[in-house]
């Protein structure tokens, strides 16, 4: 589990966050975000078997 706050909440920020955490939490079953649209595509692309 991790929490990360950034000034920007865009696709690039979402990808950076996911790359940093997927090494440690590679078998996550659920990812919970605030459902910002910029998170949707990176999560679907990088975490195909994970519920969002």
PDB file of N, CA and C in Angstrom:
ATOM      1  N   UNK A   1       0.848  -1.165   0.000  1.00  0.00           N
ATOM      2  CA  UNK A   1       0.000   0.000   0.000  1.00  0.00           C
ATOM      3  C   UNK A   1       0.893   1.227   0.000  1.00  0.00           C
ATOM      4  N   UNK A   2       0.471   2.239  -0.756  1.00  0.00           N
ATOM      5  CA  UNK A   2       1.260   3.452  -0.833  1.00  0.00           C
ATOM      6  C   UNK A   2       0.354   4.631  -1.114  1.00  0.00           C
ATOM      7  N   UNK A   3       0.753   5.768  -0.638  1.00  0.00           N
ATOM      8  CA  UNK A   3       0.046   7.019  -0.903  1.00  0.00           C
ATOM      9  C   UNK A   3       1.061   7.983  -1.465  1.00  0.00           C
ATOM     10  N   UNK A   4       0.673   8.683  -2.506  1.00  0.00           N
ATOM     11  CA  UNK A   4       1.603   9.599  -3.147  1.00  0.00           C
ATOM     12  C   UNK A   4       0.836  10.814  -3.634  1.00  0.00           C
ATOM     13  N   UNK A   5       1.247  11.986  -3.223  1.00  0.00           N
ATOM     14  CA  UNK A   5       0.602  13.227  -3.642  1.00  0.00           C
ATOM     15  C   UNK A   5       1.547  13.997  -4.547  1.00  0.00           C
ATOM     16  N   UNK A   6       1.003  14.493  -5.645  1.00  0.00           N
ATOM     17  CA  UNK A   6       1.792  15.268  -6.590  1.00  0.00           C
ATOM     18  C   UNK A   6       1.065  16.554  -6.934  1.00  0.00           C
ATOM     19  N   UNK A   7       1.820  17.524  -7.435  1.00  0.00           N
ATOM     20  CA  UNK A   7       1.207  18.768  -7.891  1.00  0.00           C
ATOM     21  C   UNK A   7       0.333  18.525  -9.111  1.00  0.00           C
ATOM     22  N   UNK A   8       0.762  17.613  -9.961  1.00  0.00           N
ATOM     23  CA  UNK A   8       0.018  17.328 -11.186  1.00  0.00           C
ATOM     24  C   UNK A   8      -0.677  15.987 -11.076  1.00  0.00           C
ATOM     25  N   UNK A   9      -1.875  15.925 -11.638  1.00  0.00           N
ATOM     26  CA  UNK A   9      -2.639  14.679 -11.641  1.00  0.00           C
ATOM     27  C   UNK A   9      -2.989  14.355 -13.082  1.00  0.00           C
ATOM     28  N   UNK A  10      -1.983  13.949 -13.821  1.00  0.00           N
ATOM     29  CA  UNK A  10      -2.186  13.655 -15.236  1.00  0.00           C
ATOM     30  C   UNK A  10      -1.683  12.249 -15.547  1.00  0.00           C
ATOM     31  N   UNK A  11      -1.737  11.887 -16.810  1.00  0.00           N
ATOM     32  CA  UNK A  11      -1.342  10.543 -17.232  1.00  0.00           C
ATOM     33  C   UNK A  11       0.117  10.260 -16.889  1.00  0.00           C
ATOM     34  N   UNK A  12       0.981  11.216 -17.113  1.00  0.00           N
ATOM     35  CA  UNK A  12       2.408  11.022 -16.827  1.00  0.00           C
ATOM     36  C   UNK A  12       2.644  10.766 -15.332  1.00  0.00           C
ATOM     37  N   UNK A  13       1.955  11.514 -14.490  1.00  0.00           N
ATOM     38  CA  UNK A  13       2.084  11.321 -13.044  1.00  0.00           C
ATOM     39  C   UNK A  13       1.569   9.945 -12.628  1.00  0.00           C
ATOM     40  N   UNK A  14       0.483   9.503 -13.247  1.00  0.00           N
ATOM     41  CA  UNK A  14      -0.063   8.178 -12.931  1.00  0.00           C
ATOM     42  C   UNK A  14       0.907   7.077 -13.332  1.00  0.00           C
ATOM     43  N   UNK A  15       1.503   7.201 -14.508  1.00  0.00           N
ATOM     44  CA  UNK A  15       2.471   6.201 -14.973  1.00  0.00           C
ATOM     45  C   UNK A  15       3.681   6.158 -14.051  1.00  0.00           C
ATOM     46  N   UNK A  16       4.182   7.305 -13.651  1.00  0.00           N
ATOM     47  CA  UNK A  16       5.330   7.365 -12.749  1.00  0.00           C
ATOM     48  C   UNK A  16       5.007   6.677 -11.417  1.00  0.00           C
ATOM     49  N   UNK A  17       3.832   6.946 -10.895  1.00  0.00           N
ATOM     50  CA  UNK A  17       3.414   6.326  -9.639  1.00  0.00           C
ATOM     51  C   UNK A  17       3.312   4.809  -9.774  1.00  0.00           C
ATOM     52  N   UNK A  18       2.699   4.341 -10.858  1.00  0.00           N
ATOM     53  CA  UNK A  18       2.533   2.901 -11.053  1.00  0.00           C
ATOM     54  C   UNK A  18       3.867   2.190 -11.242  1.00  0.00           C
ATOM     55  N   UNK A  19       4.770   2.758 -12.035  1.00  0.00           N
ATOM     56  CA  UNK A  19       6.079   2.132 -12.238  1.00  0.00           C
ATOM     57  C   UNK A  19       6.819   1.984 -10.918  1.00  0.00           C
ATOM     58  N   UNK A  20       6.740   2.996 -10.083  1.00  0.00           N
ATOM     59  CA  UNK A  20       7.461   2.962  -8.826  1.00  0.00           C
ATOM     60  C   UNK A  20       6.908   1.889  -7.887  1.00  0.00           C
ATOM     61  N   UNK A  21       5.618   1.639  -7.955  1.00  0.00           N
ATOM     62  CA  UNK A  21       5.001   0.709  -7.019  1.00  0.00           C
ATOM     63  C   UNK A  21       4.826  -0.700  -7.555  1.00  0.00           C
ATOM     64  N   UNK A  22       4.830  -0.889  -8.856  1.00  0.00           N
ATOM     65  CA  UNK A  22       4.620  -2.229  -9.401  1.00  0.00           C
ATOM     66  C   UNK A  22       5.781  -3.167  -9.104  1.00  0.00           C
ATOM     67  N   UNK A  23       6.971  -2.648  -8.922  1.00  0.00           N
ATOM     68  CA  UNK A  23       8.097  -3.509  -8.558  1.00  0.00           C
ATOM     69  C   UNK A  23       7.870  -4.152  -7.190  1.00  0.00           C
ATOM     70  N   UNK A  24       7.375  -3.363  -6.265  1.00  0.00           N
ATOM     71  CA  UNK A  24       7.189  -3.851  -4.903  1.00  0.00           C
ATOM     72  C   UNK A  24       5.868  -4.597  -4.741  1.00  0.00           C
ATOM     73  N   UNK A  25       4.817  -4.092  -5.364  1.00  0.00           N
ATOM     74  CA  UNK A  25       3.476  -4.685  -5.247  1.00  0.00           C
ATOM     75  C   UNK A  25       3.051  -5.260  -6.588  1.00  0.00           C
ATOM     76  N   UNK A  26       3.781  -6.193  -7.109  1.00  0.00           N
ATOM     77  CA  UNK A  26       3.529  -6.698  -8.460  1.00  0.00           C
ATOM     78  C   UNK A  26       2.263  -7.541  -8.558  1.00  0.00           C
ATOM     79  N   UNK A  27       1.747  -8.037  -7.457  1.00  0.00           N
ATOM     80  CA  UNK A  27       0.568  -8.903  -7.509  1.00  0.00           C
ATOM     81  C   UNK A  27      -0.640  -8.252  -6.850  1.00  0.00           C
ATOM     82  N   UNK A  28      -0.830  -6.979  -7.082  1.00  0.00           N
ATOM     83  CA  UNK A  28      -1.988  -6.280  -6.525  1.00  0.00           C
ATOM     84  C   UNK A  28      -3.259  -6.773  -7.192  1.00  0.00           C
ATOM     85  N   UNK A  29      -4.309  -6.907  -6.410  1.00  0.00           N
ATOM     86  CA  UNK A  29      -5.597  -7.344  -6.940  1.00  0.00           C
ATOM     87  C   UNK A  29      -6.529  -6.163  -7.183  1.00  0.00           C
ATOM     88  N   UNK A  30      -6.344  -5.100  -6.404  1.00  0.00           N
ATOM     89  CA  UNK A  30      -7.224  -3.938  -6.496  1.00  0.00           C
ATOM     90  C   UNK A  30      -6.379  -2.679  -6.397  1.00  0.00           C
ATOM     91  N   UNK A  31      -6.688  -1.700  -7.234  1.00  0.00           N
ATOM     92  CA  UNK A  31      -6.082  -0.376  -7.138  1.00  0.00           C
ATOM     93  C   UNK A  31      -7.211   0.609  -6.904  1.00  0.00           C
ATOM     94  N   UNK A  32      -7.091   1.405  -5.862  1.00  0.00           N
ATOM     95  CA  UNK A  32      -8.124   2.381  -5.535  1.00  0.00           C
ATOM     96  C   UNK A  32      -7.553   3.773  -5.764  1.00  0.00           C
ATOM     97  N   UNK A  33      -8.219   4.532  -6.614  1.00  0.00           N
ATOM     98  CA  UNK A  33      -7.837   5.918  -6.875  1.00  0.00           C
ATOM     99  C   UNK A  33      -9.079   6.783  -6.737  1.00  0.00           C
ATOM    100  N   UNK A  34      -8.918   8.063  -6.982  1.00  0.00           N
ATOM    101  CA  UNK A  34     -10.068   8.958  -6.941  1.00  0.00           C
ATOM    102  C   UNK A  34     -10.805   8.987  -8.286  1.00  0.00           C
ATOM    103  N   UNK A  35     -10.545   7.998  -9.140  1.00  0.00           N
ATOM    104  CA  UNK A  35     -11.195   7.819 -10.445  1.00  0.00           C
ATOM    105  C   UNK A  35     -11.000   8.993 -11.397  1.00  0.00           C
ATOM    106  N   UNK A  36      -9.896   9.659 -11.283  1.00  0.00           N
ATOM    107  CA  UNK A  36      -9.552  10.691 -12.247  1.00  0.00           C
ATOM    108  C   UNK A  36      -9.328  10.028 -13.599  1.00  0.00           C
ATOM    109  N   UNK A  37      -9.834  10.599 -14.662  1.00  0.00           N
ATOM    110  CA  UNK A  37      -9.783   9.964 -15.976  1.00  0.00           C
ATOM    111  C   UNK A  37      -8.359   9.709 -16.460  1.00  0.00           C
ATOM    112  N   UNK A  38      -7.401  10.508 -16.037  1.00  0.00           N
ATOM    113  CA  UNK A  38      -6.026  10.306 -16.499  1.00  0.00           C
ATOM    114  C   UNK A  38      -5.403   9.035 -15.932  1.00  0.00           C
ATOM    115  N   UNK A  39      -5.984   8.446 -14.902  1.00  0.00           N
ATOM    116  CA  UNK A  39      -5.464   7.206 -14.329  1.00  0.00           C
ATOM    117  C   UNK A  39      -5.977   5.964 -15.045  1.00  0.00           C
ATOM    118  N   UNK A  40      -7.097   6.069 -15.731  1.00  0.00           N
ATOM    119  CA  UNK A  40      -7.774   4.900 -16.290  1.00  0.00           C
ATOM    120  C   UNK A  40      -6.924   4.139 -17.295  1.00  0.00           C
ATOM    121  N   UNK A  41      -6.406   4.799 -18.310  1.00  0.00           N
ATOM    122  CA  UNK A  41      -5.633   4.110 -19.347  1.00  0.00           C
ATOM    123  C   UNK A  41      -4.325   3.526 -18.827  1.00  0.00           C
ATOM    124  N   UNK A  42      -3.530   4.260 -18.043  1.00  0.00           N
ATOM    125  CA  UNK A  42      -2.300   3.641 -17.523  1.00  0.00           C
ATOM    126  C   UNK A  42      -2.568   2.414 -16.656  1.00  0.00           C
ATOM    127  N   UNK A  43      -3.611   2.445 -15.851  1.00  0.00           N
ATOM    128  CA  UNK A  43      -3.910   1.293 -15.001  1.00  0.00           C
ATOM    129  C   UNK A  43      -4.344   0.109 -15.845  1.00  0.00           C
ATOM    130  N   UNK A  44      -5.191   0.341 -16.841  1.00  0.00           N
ATOM    131  CA  UNK A  44      -5.625  -0.759 -17.710  1.00  0.00           C
ATOM    132  C   UNK A  44      -4.465  -1.340 -18.502  1.00  0.00           C
ATOM    133  N   UNK A  45      -3.530  -0.506 -18.925  1.00  0.00           N
ATOM    134  CA  UNK A  45      -2.398  -0.978 -19.727  1.00  0.00           C
ATOM    135  C   UNK A  45      -1.360  -1.716 -18.883  1.00  0.00           C
ATOM    136  N   UNK A  46      -1.086  -1.235 -17.685  1.00  0.00           N
ATOM    137  CA  UNK A  46      -0.009  -1.778 -16.877  1.00  0.00           C
ATOM    138  C   UNK A  46      -0.469  -2.847 -15.888  1.00  0.00           C
ATOM    139  N   UNK A  47      -1.732  -2.850 -15.548  1.00  0.00           N
ATOM    140  CA  UNK A  47      -2.255  -3.767 -14.525  1.00  0.00           C
ATOM    141  C   UNK A  47      -3.487  -4.470 -15.074  1.00  0.00           C
ATOM    142  N   UNK A  48      -3.292  -5.318 -16.039  1.00  0.00           N
ATOM    143  CA  UNK A  48      -4.416  -5.922 -16.759  1.00  0.00           C
ATOM    144  C   UNK A  48      -5.299  -6.810 -15.896  1.00  0.00           C
ATOM    145  N   UNK A  49      -4.769  -7.458 -14.908  1.00  0.00           N
ATOM    146  CA  UNK A  49      -5.554  -8.366 -14.068  1.00  0.00           C
ATOM    147  C   UNK A  49      -5.946  -7.737 -12.737  1.00  0.00           C
ATOM    148  N   UNK A  50      -5.934  -6.421 -12.684  1.00  0.00           N
ATOM    149  CA  UNK A  50      -6.210  -5.711 -11.446  1.00  0.00           C
ATOM    150  C   UNK A  50      -7.517  -4.941 -11.564  1.00  0.00           C
ATOM    151  N   UNK A  51      -8.326  -5.036 -10.536  1.00  0.00           N
ATOM    152  CA  UNK A  51      -9.591  -4.309 -10.507  1.00  0.00           C
ATOM    153  C   UNK A  51      -9.333  -2.860 -10.119  1.00  0.00           C
ATOM    154  N   UNK A  52     -10.009  -1.949 -10.800  1.00  0.00           N
ATOM    155  CA  UNK A  52      -9.874  -0.525 -10.487  1.00  0.00           C
ATOM    156  C   UNK A  52     -11.242   0.038 -10.234  1.00  0.00           C
TER     157      UNK A  52
END
